[in-house]
Amino acid sequence: MEILSIGQVARRAGVVVEMVRFYEREGLLEEPPRRASGYRQYSEQVVTRLHFIKRAQQLGFSLKEISELLLLRVDAQTSCDEVKGRTEAKIAEVERKMVELQRMRQALLQVASLCTGQGPTGRCPMLDALDQQEPQDRG
């Protein structure tokens, strides 16, 4: 088994050294053993875990959720169905965010359509529209 320095781990995983330290502080990576000189000693498994963390982040999982997924991975009692359930919950969350982003886009398009781009900001219809208080969405 090859022993890697923190710099080697970071390079192989495509992250910066400070990110490796951050994940250690957050508990996503175990603190590695140290040489007599005090330098950290990492295994190739740390690079694999960093790839897992990065991919999960790209899929929208928070650090807390990633930590939970990592725990599920080592828990012999965990079934694939439980992991699937968490993934389906993340899909539902993403879909809710997409609906909200579409609402925001429509509102911005409406506000932008009010403006000709001419005149002083004191009479800017876009800024005036932002001053208007809309009734709060109750749904």
N, C-alpha and C. Protein backbone atom coordinates (compact mmCIF):
# COMPACT_ATOMS: atom_id res chain seq x y z
N MET A 1 0.85 -1.18 0.00
CA MET A 1 0.00 0.00 0.00
C MET A 1 0.89 1.24 0.00
N GLU A 2 0.62 2.13 -0.95
CA GLU A 2 1.42 3.34 -1.09
C GLU A 2 1.00 4.38 -0.04
N ILE A 3 1.98 5.00 0.56
CA ILE A 3 1.73 6.08 1.52
C ILE A 3 1.88 7.40 0.78
N LEU A 4 0.89 8.27 0.93
CA LEU A 4 0.86 9.54 0.20
C LEU A 4 0.94 10.72 1.16
N SER A 5 1.52 11.80 0.68
CA SER A 5 1.52 13.05 1.45
C SER A 5 0.19 13.76 1.18
N ILE A 6 -0.09 14.77 1.96
CA ILE A 6 -1.33 15.52 1.76
C ILE A 6 -1.35 16.19 0.38
N GLY A 7 -0.21 16.65 -0.08
CA GLY A 7 -0.13 17.26 -1.40
C GLY A 7 -0.42 16.26 -2.51
N GLN A 8 0.11 15.04 -2.37
CA GLN A 8 -0.14 14.01 -3.36
C GLN A 8 -1.62 13.63 -3.39
N VAL A 9 -2.21 13.51 -2.21
CA VAL A 9 -3.64 13.19 -2.12
C VAL A 9 -4.46 14.28 -2.81
N ALA A 10 -4.16 15.52 -2.50
CA ALA A 10 -4.89 16.64 -3.08
C ALA A 10 -4.78 16.64 -4.60
N ARG A 11 -3.58 16.46 -5.11
CA ARG A 11 -3.38 16.45 -6.56
C ARG A 11 -4.15 15.30 -7.22
N ARG A 12 -4.05 14.12 -6.66
CA ARG A 12 -4.74 12.96 -7.25
C ARG A 12 -6.26 13.11 -7.20
N ALA A 13 -6.76 13.79 -6.18
CA ALA A 13 -8.21 13.96 -6.03
C ALA A 13 -8.72 15.21 -6.75
N GLY A 14 -7.79 16.07 -7.19
CA GLY A 14 -8.21 17.28 -7.88
C GLY A 14 -8.75 18.35 -6.95
N VAL A 15 -8.22 18.40 -5.73
CA VAL A 15 -8.62 19.43 -4.76
C VAL A 15 -7.36 20.12 -4.24
N VAL A 16 -7.56 21.18 -3.48
CA VAL A 16 -6.42 21.85 -2.85
C VAL A 16 -6.18 21.24 -1.48
N VAL A 17 -4.97 21.40 -0.99
CA VAL A 17 -4.58 20.84 0.30
C VAL A 17 -5.53 21.30 1.41
N GLU A 18 -5.90 22.58 1.39
CA GLU A 18 -6.78 23.10 2.44
C GLU A 18 -8.13 22.39 2.44
N MET A 19 -8.59 21.92 1.28
CA MET A 19 -9.86 21.19 1.21
C MET A 19 -9.73 19.85 1.92
N VAL A 20 -8.59 19.20 1.79
CA VAL A 20 -8.36 17.94 2.50
C VAL A 20 -8.44 18.20 4.00
N ARG A 21 -7.77 19.24 4.46
CA ARG A 21 -7.80 19.59 5.89
C ARG A 21 -9.22 19.93 6.34
N PHE A 22 -9.95 20.66 5.51
CA PHE A 22 -11.34 21.03 5.83
C PHE A 22 -12.19 19.78 6.01
N TYR A 23 -12.09 18.83 5.08
CA TYR A 23 -12.88 17.60 5.18
C TYR A 23 -12.49 16.80 6.43
N GLU A 24 -11.23 16.87 6.82
CA GLU A 24 -10.82 16.23 8.07
C GLU A 24 -11.52 16.90 9.26
N ARG A 25 -11.50 18.24 9.28
CA ARG A 25 -12.15 18.97 10.40
C ARG A 25 -13.64 18.69 10.44
N GLU A 26 -14.26 18.51 9.26
CA GLU A 26 -15.71 18.26 9.19
C GLU A 26 -16.06 16.80 9.48
N GLY A 27 -15.05 15.95 9.61
CA GLY A 27 -15.30 14.54 9.92
C GLY A 27 -15.59 13.67 8.71
N LEU A 28 -15.42 14.21 7.50
CA LEU A 28 -15.65 13.41 6.29
C LEU A 28 -14.45 12.53 5.98
N LEU A 29 -13.29 12.92 6.48
CA LEU A 29 -12.07 12.12 6.37
C LEU A 29 -11.53 11.90 7.77
N GLU A 30 -11.08 10.71 8.02
CA GLU A 30 -10.44 10.44 9.31
C GLU A 30 -9.10 11.14 9.35
N GLU A 31 -8.74 11.60 10.54
CA GLU A 31 -7.41 12.19 10.67
C GLU A 31 -6.39 11.08 10.48
N PRO A 32 -5.44 11.29 9.58
CA PRO A 32 -4.49 10.22 9.27
C PRO A 32 -3.40 10.10 10.33
N PRO A 33 -2.75 8.95 10.34
CA PRO A 33 -1.58 8.83 11.22
C PRO A 33 -0.48 9.76 10.74
N ARG A 34 0.44 10.04 11.62
CA ARG A 34 1.54 10.95 11.27
C ARG A 34 2.88 10.23 11.39
N ARG A 35 3.77 10.69 10.57
CA ARG A 35 5.16 10.21 10.67
C ARG A 35 5.79 10.81 11.91
N ALA A 36 6.96 10.36 12.25
CA ALA A 36 7.69 10.91 13.39
C ALA A 36 7.95 12.41 13.19
N SER A 37 8.07 12.82 11.93
CA SER A 37 8.30 14.23 11.61
C SER A 37 7.04 15.08 11.77
N GLY A 38 5.89 14.42 11.96
CA GLY A 38 4.63 15.16 12.11
C GLY A 38 3.82 15.24 10.83
N TYR A 39 4.39 14.83 9.71
CA TYR A 39 3.67 14.88 8.43
C TYR A 39 2.58 13.81 8.39
N ARG A 40 1.45 14.16 7.82
CA ARG A 40 0.35 13.21 7.67
C ARG A 40 0.72 12.14 6.65
N GLN A 41 0.20 10.92 6.89
CA GLN A 41 0.40 9.79 5.98
C GLN A 41 -0.97 9.31 5.51
N TYR A 42 -1.21 9.36 4.22
CA TYR A 42 -2.51 8.98 3.67
C TYR A 42 -2.38 7.73 2.82
N SER A 43 -3.49 7.01 2.72
CA SER A 43 -3.56 5.86 1.82
C SER A 43 -4.32 6.28 0.57
N GLU A 44 -4.25 5.44 -0.44
CA GLU A 44 -4.97 5.69 -1.70
C GLU A 44 -6.48 5.73 -1.47
N GLN A 45 -6.95 5.07 -0.41
CA GLN A 45 -8.39 5.07 -0.10
C GLN A 45 -8.92 6.48 0.17
N VAL A 46 -8.07 7.35 0.66
CA VAL A 46 -8.47 8.73 0.92
C VAL A 46 -8.79 9.44 -0.39
N VAL A 47 -8.02 9.15 -1.43
CA VAL A 47 -8.29 9.73 -2.75
C VAL A 47 -9.66 9.25 -3.25
N THR A 48 -9.94 7.97 -3.08
CA THR A 48 -11.24 7.41 -3.48
C THR A 48 -12.37 8.10 -2.73
N ARG A 49 -12.19 8.31 -1.44
CA ARG A 49 -13.22 8.96 -0.63
C ARG A 49 -13.41 10.42 -1.08
N LEU A 50 -12.33 11.09 -1.39
CA LEU A 50 -12.44 12.47 -1.87
C LEU A 50 -13.20 12.53 -3.20
N HIS A 51 -12.97 11.56 -4.08
CA HIS A 51 -13.74 11.51 -5.33
C HIS A 51 -15.22 11.31 -5.03
N PHE A 52 -15.54 10.45 -4.07
CA PHE A 52 -16.93 10.22 -3.66
C PHE A 52 -17.54 11.53 -3.15
N ILE A 53 -16.83 12.23 -2.29
CA ILE A 53 -17.33 13.49 -1.72
C ILE A 53 -17.58 14.51 -2.83
N LYS A 54 -16.63 14.66 -3.73
CA LYS A 54 -16.77 15.64 -4.81
C LYS A 54 -17.97 15.29 -5.71
N ARG A 55 -18.11 14.03 -6.04
CA ARG A 55 -19.23 13.61 -6.91
C ARG A 55 -20.56 13.84 -6.21
N ALA A 56 -20.63 13.52 -4.93
CA ALA A 56 -21.87 13.73 -4.18
C ALA A 56 -22.21 15.22 -4.11
N GLN A 57 -21.21 16.07 -3.96
CA GLN A 57 -21.44 17.51 -3.96
C GLN A 57 -21.96 17.97 -5.31
N GLN A 58 -21.40 17.43 -6.39
CA GLN A 58 -21.87 17.79 -7.73
C GLN A 58 -23.33 17.39 -7.93
N LEU A 59 -23.76 16.36 -7.24
CA LEU A 59 -25.15 15.91 -7.33
C LEU A 59 -26.06 16.68 -6.38
N GLY A 60 -25.50 17.63 -5.63
CA GLY A 60 -26.31 18.50 -4.79
C GLY A 60 -26.41 18.09 -3.33
N PHE A 61 -25.68 17.07 -2.92
CA PHE A 61 -25.73 16.66 -1.53
C PHE A 61 -24.91 17.63 -0.67
N SER A 62 -25.46 17.97 0.49
CA SER A 62 -24.75 18.83 1.44
C SER A 62 -23.68 18.00 2.14
N LEU A 63 -22.77 18.68 2.85
CA LEU A 63 -21.74 17.95 3.59
C LEU A 63 -22.36 17.05 4.65
N LYS A 64 -23.42 17.50 5.28
CA LYS A 64 -24.11 16.67 6.28
C LYS A 64 -24.68 15.42 5.62
N GLU A 65 -25.31 15.59 4.47
CA GLU A 65 -25.87 14.44 3.75
C GLU A 65 -24.77 13.49 3.28
N ILE A 66 -23.66 14.05 2.84
CA ILE A 66 -22.53 13.22 2.40
C ILE A 66 -22.00 12.42 3.58
N SER A 67 -21.90 13.06 4.73
CA SER A 67 -21.45 12.36 5.92
C SER A 67 -22.37 11.18 6.24
N GLU A 68 -23.68 11.41 6.11
CA GLU A 68 -24.66 10.34 6.35
C GLU A 68 -24.51 9.22 5.33
N LEU A 69 -24.29 9.59 4.06
CA LEU A 69 -24.09 8.56 3.03
C LEU A 69 -22.83 7.74 3.31
N LEU A 70 -21.78 8.39 3.76
CA LEU A 70 -20.55 7.67 4.08
C LEU A 70 -20.77 6.71 5.25
N LEU A 71 -21.57 7.13 6.22
CA LEU A 71 -21.87 6.24 7.35
C LEU A 71 -22.71 5.05 6.88
N LEU A 72 -23.66 5.30 5.97
CA LEU A 72 -24.48 4.21 5.45
C LEU A 72 -23.62 3.18 4.73
N ARG A 73 -22.59 3.68 4.07
CA ARG A 73 -21.72 2.79 3.29
C ARG A 73 -21.00 1.78 4.19
N VAL A 74 -20.63 2.18 5.39
CA VAL A 74 -19.89 1.28 6.27
C VAL A 74 -20.80 0.51 7.23
N ASP A 75 -22.08 0.85 7.28
CA ASP A 75 -23.03 0.18 8.16
C ASP A 75 -23.55 -1.09 7.47
N ALA A 76 -23.23 -2.23 8.03
CA ALA A 76 -23.62 -3.50 7.42
C ALA A 76 -25.14 -3.69 7.41
N GLN A 77 -25.86 -2.96 8.25
CA GLN A 77 -27.32 -3.08 8.33
C GLN A 77 -28.03 -2.26 7.25
N THR A 78 -27.31 -1.40 6.55
CA THR A 78 -27.91 -0.53 5.56
C THR A 78 -28.23 -1.29 4.29
N SER A 79 -29.41 -1.01 3.74
CA SER A 79 -29.78 -1.64 2.47
C SER A 79 -29.69 -0.61 1.35
N CYS A 80 -29.61 -1.10 0.15
CA CYS A 80 -29.60 -0.21 -1.00
C CYS A 80 -30.90 0.60 -1.06
N ASP A 81 -31.98 0.02 -0.55
CA ASP A 81 -33.27 0.71 -0.54
C ASP A 81 -33.20 2.00 0.28
N GLU A 82 -32.46 1.98 1.37
CA GLU A 82 -32.31 3.17 2.20
C GLU A 82 -31.54 4.26 1.45
N VAL A 83 -30.50 3.85 0.76
CA VAL A 83 -29.72 4.81 -0.04
C VAL A 83 -30.59 5.36 -1.17
N LYS A 84 -31.38 4.49 -1.80
CA LYS A 84 -32.28 4.93 -2.86
C LYS A 84 -33.30 5.93 -2.32
N GLY A 85 -33.81 5.69 -1.13
CA GLY A 85 -34.76 6.62 -0.52
C GLY A 85 -34.16 7.99 -0.31
N ARG A 86 -32.93 8.03 0.12
CA ARG A 86 -32.25 9.32 0.31
C ARG A 86 -32.04 10.03 -1.02
N THR A 87 -31.72 9.24 -2.04
CA THR A 87 -31.53 9.81 -3.37
C THR A 87 -32.86 10.36 -3.91
N GLU A 88 -33.93 9.63 -3.71
CA GLU A 88 -35.24 10.10 -4.16
C GLU A 88 -35.66 11.36 -3.42
N ALA A 89 -35.32 11.47 -2.15
CA ALA A 89 -35.61 12.69 -1.39
C ALA A 89 -34.82 13.87 -1.96
N LYS A 90 -33.57 13.61 -2.37
CA LYS A 90 -32.75 14.67 -2.97
C LYS A 90 -33.34 15.09 -4.31
N ILE A 91 -33.84 14.13 -5.08
CA ILE A 91 -34.48 14.45 -6.36
C ILE A 91 -35.69 15.35 -6.13
N ALA A 92 -36.51 15.03 -5.14
CA ALA A 92 -37.69 15.85 -4.83
C ALA A 92 -37.27 17.26 -4.42
N GLU A 93 -36.21 17.37 -3.65
CA GLU A 93 -35.70 18.68 -3.24
C GLU A 93 -35.24 19.48 -4.45
N VAL A 94 -34.53 18.83 -5.36
CA VAL A 94 -34.05 19.50 -6.58
C VAL A 94 -35.24 19.98 -7.41
N GLU A 95 -36.26 19.14 -7.52
CA GLU A 95 -37.45 19.52 -8.29
C GLU A 95 -38.16 20.71 -7.66
N ARG A 96 -38.24 20.78 -6.34
CA ARG A 96 -38.84 21.95 -5.66
C ARG A 96 -38.03 23.21 -5.97
N LYS A 97 -36.71 23.06 -5.93
CA LYS A 97 -35.85 24.21 -6.23
C LYS A 97 -36.02 24.66 -7.68
N MET A 98 -36.19 23.71 -8.59
CA MET A 98 -36.38 24.06 -10.00
C MET A 98 -37.67 24.85 -10.20
N VAL A 99 -38.73 24.45 -9.51
CA VAL A 99 -40.00 25.18 -9.60
C VAL A 99 -39.81 26.60 -9.07
N GLU A 100 -39.12 26.73 -7.96
CA GLU A 100 -38.88 28.05 -7.38
C GLU A 100 -38.01 28.90 -8.30
N LEU A 101 -37.00 28.31 -8.91
CA LEU A 101 -36.16 29.05 -9.85
C LEU A 101 -36.96 29.51 -11.07
N GLN A 102 -37.88 28.69 -11.54
CA GLN A 102 -38.74 29.10 -12.66
C GLN A 102 -39.62 30.28 -12.26
N ARG A 103 -40.15 30.25 -11.03
CA ARG A 103 -40.94 31.39 -10.53
C ARG A 103 -40.09 32.65 -10.49
N MET A 104 -38.86 32.52 -9.98
CA MET A 104 -37.96 33.67 -9.91
C MET A 104 -37.66 34.20 -11.31
N ARG A 105 -37.42 33.30 -12.24
CA ARG A 105 -37.13 33.70 -13.61
C ARG A 105 -38.29 34.48 -14.20
N GLN A 106 -39.51 33.97 -14.02
CA GLN A 106 -40.69 34.66 -14.56
C GLN A 106 -40.85 36.04 -13.94
N ALA A 107 -40.65 36.15 -12.64
CA ALA A 107 -40.77 37.44 -11.97
C ALA A 107 -39.71 38.41 -12.50
N LEU A 108 -38.49 37.93 -12.69
CA LEU A 108 -37.43 38.79 -13.22
C LEU A 108 -37.72 39.21 -14.65
N LEU A 109 -38.24 38.31 -15.45
CA LEU A 109 -38.61 38.67 -16.82
C LEU A 109 -39.67 39.76 -16.84
N GLN A 110 -40.66 39.65 -15.94
CA GLN A 110 -41.70 40.67 -15.86
C GLN A 110 -41.12 42.02 -15.47
N VAL A 111 -40.27 42.01 -14.47
CA VAL A 111 -39.66 43.27 -14.01
C VAL A 111 -38.77 43.85 -15.11
N ALA A 112 -37.99 43.01 -15.77
CA ALA A 112 -37.10 43.49 -16.82
C ALA A 112 -37.88 44.06 -17.99
N SER A 113 -39.06 43.53 -18.27
CA SER A 113 -39.85 44.03 -19.39
C SER A 113 -40.39 45.43 -19.15
N LEU A 114 -40.38 45.89 -17.90
CA LEU A 114 -40.87 47.23 -17.57
C LEU A 114 -39.88 48.32 -17.96
N CYS A 115 -38.63 47.94 -18.15
CA CYS A 115 -37.57 48.92 -18.31
C CYS A 115 -37.15 49.08 -19.77
N THR A 116 -37.02 50.33 -20.18
CA THR A 116 -36.54 50.63 -21.53
C THR A 116 -35.03 50.83 -21.53
N GLY A 117 -34.45 50.98 -20.34
CA GLY A 117 -33.02 51.24 -20.25
C GLY A 117 -32.70 52.72 -20.40
N GLN A 118 -33.70 53.57 -20.44
CA GLN A 118 -33.54 55.00 -20.63
C GLN A 118 -33.93 55.75 -19.34
N GLY A 119 -33.33 56.88 -19.11
CA GLY A 119 -33.73 57.76 -18.02
C GLY A 119 -32.96 57.53 -16.74
N PRO A 120 -33.20 58.40 -15.77
CA PRO A 120 -32.49 58.32 -14.49
C PRO A 120 -33.05 57.19 -13.62
N THR A 121 -32.22 56.73 -12.70
CA THR A 121 -32.65 55.64 -11.82
C THR A 121 -33.78 56.06 -10.90
N GLY A 122 -33.92 57.37 -10.66
CA GLY A 122 -35.02 57.85 -9.82
C GLY A 122 -36.38 57.54 -10.41
N ARG A 123 -36.42 57.29 -11.73
CA ARG A 123 -37.69 56.94 -12.38
C ARG A 123 -37.57 55.59 -13.09
N CYS A 124 -36.82 54.70 -12.52
CA CYS A 124 -36.60 53.38 -13.12
C CYS A 124 -37.75 52.46 -12.75
N PRO A 125 -38.51 51.99 -13.74
CA PRO A 125 -39.65 51.12 -13.44
C PRO A 125 -39.24 49.80 -12.80
N MET A 126 -38.02 49.30 -13.10
CA MET A 126 -37.57 48.06 -12.46
C MET A 126 -37.36 48.27 -10.97
N LEU A 127 -36.69 49.37 -10.62
CA LEU A 127 -36.47 49.65 -9.19
C LEU A 127 -37.78 49.93 -8.49
N ASP A 128 -38.70 50.64 -9.17
CA ASP A 128 -40.02 50.90 -8.59
C ASP A 128 -40.78 49.61 -8.34
N ALA A 129 -40.66 48.67 -9.29
CA ALA A 129 -41.35 47.39 -9.13
C ALA A 129 -40.81 46.62 -7.94
N LEU A 130 -39.52 46.76 -7.67
CA LEU A 130 -38.94 46.07 -6.52
C LEU A 130 -39.39 46.69 -5.21
N ASP A 131 -39.81 47.98 -5.27
CA ASP A 131 -40.35 48.63 -4.07
C ASP A 131 -41.74 48.11 -3.72
N GLN A 132 -42.46 47.59 -4.70
CA GLN A 132 -43.83 47.10 -4.48
C GLN A 132 -43.79 45.84 -3.64
N GLN A 133 -44.67 45.78 -2.68
CA GLN A 133 -44.73 44.58 -1.84
C GLN A 133 -45.78 43.65 -2.41
N GLU A 134 -45.34 42.47 -2.80
CA GLU A 134 -46.24 41.45 -3.32
C GLU A 134 -46.82 40.68 -2.14
N PRO A 135 -48.07 40.21 -2.29
CA PRO A 135 -48.60 39.34 -1.22
C PRO A 135 -47.77 38.07 -1.12
N GLN A 136 -47.53 37.63 0.08
CA GLN A 136 -46.68 36.46 0.31
C GLN A 136 -47.40 35.21 -0.21
N ASP A 137 -46.62 34.36 -0.85
CA ASP A 137 -47.12 33.10 -1.37
C ASP A 137 -47.43 32.19 -0.18
N ARG A 138 -48.62 31.70 -0.09
CA ARG A 138 -49.02 30.89 1.06
C ARG A 138 -48.98 29.39 0.72
N GLY A 139 -48.46 29.02 -0.44
CA GLY A 139 -48.48 27.61 -0.84
C GLY A 139 -47.22 26.97 -0.67
